[in-house]
Amino acid sequence: MSIVTVENKFPDSLLNFFVSDFVIDIDDATTVFNKMNKYTMYNPVIKINLINLEEKGKLVSSFTLYNKELFNEYDEFTLIDKLEIDNCQVLLLSENNLKDSTLDDWLEKCISIKELYNVEPDGKMCITSGFGPGVYKLMGIKSGEEVIALRMEFIKEKID
């Protein structure tokens, strides 16, 4: 079992974004946006861990979205939310993404191709949820109201 990490940096902060189960179009995204917890992260970087399970091939085992200037990998994550993922993909979108005229096309591409992940420079992200549907913990590190890091693990990477 080997883990490969893919890292993407964003040119801008992610303002007022949410993490949810995948949605199919901008109308659903707008509805979900109004119901979900929102977060803001400055200097964001996302690390996506891909685990190679011989019988299943490569799967996303986890992702960590963090502020590259403030994150310390030894800080303790705490539970922020539990998300039910039915569509096998986690979606991260900001308020600005909801104004994007190409959002419907991008969402269709994510769901139809079933990529392991799709991360755009403007902060649109869809990530396949490891083994599939389930309830996953969204863990976080905060400093006051500022989010320093968010992490979701789909497949256990370390045995305690």
Protein backbone atom coordinates (compact mmCIF):
# COMPACT_ATOMS: atom_id res chain seq x y z
CA MET A 1 0.00 0.00 0.00
CA SER A 2 1.58 3.26 -1.12
CA ILE A 3 0.33 6.83 -0.82
CA VAL A 4 1.06 9.56 -3.36
CA THR A 5 0.29 13.19 -2.52
CA VAL A 6 -0.87 15.67 -5.13
CA GLU A 7 -0.65 19.34 -4.16
CA ASN A 8 -2.36 22.37 -5.71
CA LYS A 9 -1.89 25.99 -4.67
CA PHE A 10 -4.49 28.66 -5.29
CA PRO A 11 -3.66 32.19 -6.45
CA ASP A 12 -6.45 33.72 -4.34
CA SER A 13 -8.02 33.16 -0.95
CA LEU A 14 -11.11 30.95 -0.77
CA LEU A 15 -13.85 33.21 0.57
CA ASN A 16 -17.15 31.97 1.94
CA PHE A 17 -16.87 28.38 0.64
CA PHE A 18 -18.74 25.23 1.61
CA VAL A 19 -18.01 21.51 1.65
CA SER A 20 -20.86 19.19 0.66
CA ASP A 21 -22.06 16.14 -1.19
CA PHE A 22 -21.87 16.59 -4.95
CA VAL A 23 -24.65 18.55 -6.67
CA ILE A 24 -25.68 18.39 -10.31
CA ASP A 25 -26.20 22.02 -11.29
CA ILE A 26 -25.94 25.65 -10.24
CA ASP A 27 -29.51 25.71 -8.90
CA ASP A 28 -28.75 22.84 -6.52
CA ALA A 29 -25.42 24.45 -5.58
CA THR A 30 -27.20 27.69 -4.67
CA THR A 31 -29.74 25.81 -2.55
CA VAL A 32 -26.99 23.85 -0.79
CA PHE A 33 -24.92 27.02 -0.30
CA ASN A 34 -27.70 28.59 1.75
CA LYS A 35 -27.89 25.53 4.06
CA MET A 36 -24.21 24.69 4.62
CA ASN A 37 -21.56 25.96 7.02
CA LYS A 38 -19.27 28.39 5.23
CA TYR A 39 -15.53 28.82 5.67
CA THR A 40 -12.88 31.28 4.56
CA MET A 41 -9.23 30.36 4.08
CA TYR A 42 -6.33 32.61 3.19
CA ASN A 43 -3.23 31.39 1.29
CA PRO A 44 -4.89 28.03 0.52
CA VAL A 45 -3.20 24.84 -0.60
CA ILE A 46 -4.89 21.48 -1.06
CA LYS A 47 -3.13 18.15 -0.63
CA ILE A 48 -4.93 15.10 -1.96
CA ASN A 49 -3.63 11.70 -0.90
CA LEU A 50 -4.04 8.86 -3.38
CA ILE A 51 -3.70 5.36 -1.98
CA ASN A 52 -2.92 2.42 -4.22
CA LEU A 53 -4.98 -0.59 -3.17
CA GLU A 54 -4.05 -3.40 -5.50
CA GLU A 55 -7.54 -4.88 -5.70
CA LYS A 56 -9.25 -1.49 -6.23
CA GLY A 57 -6.47 0.54 -7.89
CA LYS A 58 -5.86 4.16 -6.93
CA LEU A 59 -8.41 5.87 -4.68
CA VAL A 60 -8.50 9.17 -2.81
CA SER A 61 -7.76 8.37 0.82
CA SER A 62 -7.96 11.95 2.14
CA PHE A 63 -7.65 15.63 1.38
CA THR A 64 -6.32 18.49 3.46
CA LEU A 65 -7.03 22.11 2.61
CA TYR A 66 -4.81 24.45 4.60
CA ASN A 67 -3.41 27.96 4.96
CA LYS A 68 0.21 27.54 3.80
CA GLU A 69 1.47 30.29 6.12
CA LEU A 70 -0.24 29.17 9.34
CA PHE A 71 -0.66 25.40 9.13
CA ASN A 72 1.49 23.17 11.31
CA GLU A 73 0.97 19.51 10.46
CA TYR A 74 1.39 18.61 14.13
CA ASP A 75 -1.57 20.74 15.26
CA GLU A 76 -4.59 18.76 16.45
CA PHE A 77 -7.64 18.56 14.20
CA THR A 78 -11.08 18.66 15.83
CA LEU A 79 -14.47 17.66 14.47
CA ILE A 80 -16.15 20.53 12.61
CA ASP A 81 -18.95 18.70 10.81
CA LYS A 82 -20.15 15.29 9.60
CA LEU A 83 -21.19 15.09 5.96
CA GLU A 84 -23.30 12.43 4.34
CA ILE A 85 -21.84 11.69 0.92
CA ASP A 86 -24.34 9.85 -1.29
CA ASN A 87 -23.00 10.69 -4.74
CA CYS A 88 -19.44 9.45 -4.07
CA GLN A 89 -17.97 12.93 -4.54
CA VAL A 90 -17.25 15.81 -2.20
CA LEU A 91 -17.75 19.30 -3.59
CA LEU A 92 -16.02 22.49 -2.45
CA LEU A 93 -17.33 25.73 -3.91
CA SER A 94 -17.09 29.37 -2.92
CA GLU A 95 -19.72 32.03 -3.21
CA ASN A 96 -17.82 33.44 -6.21
CA ASN A 97 -18.06 30.06 -8.01
CA LEU A 98 -21.86 30.32 -7.93
CA LYS A 99 -21.58 33.34 -10.25
CA ASP A 100 -19.45 31.39 -12.77
CA SER A 101 -21.33 30.95 -16.06
CA THR A 102 -19.43 27.69 -16.73
CA LEU A 103 -20.31 26.06 -13.39
CA ASP A 104 -23.01 23.79 -14.85
CA ASP A 105 -20.59 22.48 -17.49
CA TRP A 106 -17.85 21.95 -14.89
CA LEU A 107 -20.22 20.04 -12.58
CA GLU A 108 -21.36 17.85 -15.46
CA LYS A 109 -17.74 17.09 -16.36
CA CYS A 110 -16.94 16.09 -12.76
CA ILE A 111 -19.88 13.73 -12.38
CA SER A 112 -19.74 12.13 -15.82
CA ILE A 113 -16.00 11.45 -15.94
CA LYS A 114 -15.80 10.23 -12.34
CA GLU A 115 -12.29 11.63 -11.96
CA LEU A 116 -10.49 10.98 -8.70
CA TYR A 117 -10.35 14.75 -8.27
CA ASN A 118 -10.76 17.98 -10.20
CA VAL A 119 -9.24 21.11 -8.69
CA GLU A 120 -9.47 24.42 -10.55
CA PRO A 121 -7.36 27.54 -9.90
CA ASP A 122 -10.51 29.51 -9.04
CA GLY A 123 -11.22 27.17 -6.09
CA LYS A 124 -13.81 24.82 -7.60
CA MET A 125 -13.05 21.32 -6.31
CA CYS A 126 -14.65 17.91 -6.58
CA ILE A 127 -13.01 14.92 -4.95
CA THR A 128 -14.11 11.29 -5.22
CA SER A 129 -14.84 9.95 -1.76
CA GLY A 130 -12.51 6.98 -1.50
CA PHE A 131 -14.60 3.81 -1.20
CA GLY A 132 -17.84 5.65 -1.94
CA PRO A 133 -20.97 6.73 -0.10
CA GLY A 134 -20.91 7.19 3.66
CA VAL A 135 -20.83 9.69 6.49
CA TYR A 136 -17.43 11.33 6.71
CA LYS A 137 -15.95 13.60 9.35
CA LEU A 138 -14.82 17.07 8.32
CA MET A 139 -11.99 17.83 10.72
CA GLY A 140 -10.51 21.29 11.18
CA ILE A 141 -8.08 23.60 12.87
CA LYS A 142 -9.25 27.09 13.71
CA SER A 143 -7.65 30.15 15.23
CA GLY A 144 -10.56 32.17 16.55
CA GLU A 145 -12.97 32.32 13.61
CA GLU A 146 -10.25 31.81 11.00
CA VAL A 147 -9.97 28.33 9.47
CA ILE A 148 -6.36 27.20 9.30
CA ALA A 149 -7.02 23.71 7.90
CA LEU A 150 -9.78 21.28 6.92
CA ARG A 151 -9.28 17.56 6.46
CA MET A 152 -11.49 14.67 5.40
CA GLU A 153 -10.26 11.09 5.50
CA PHE A 154 -12.09 8.45 3.46
CA ILE A 155 -9.68 5.52 3.87
CA LYS A 156 -7.61 5.07 7.02
CA GLU A 157 -4.01 5.94 6.15
CA LYS A 158 -2.36 5.13 9.48
CA ILE A 159 -3.06 2.38 11.95
CA ASP A 160 -2.85 3.69 15.50
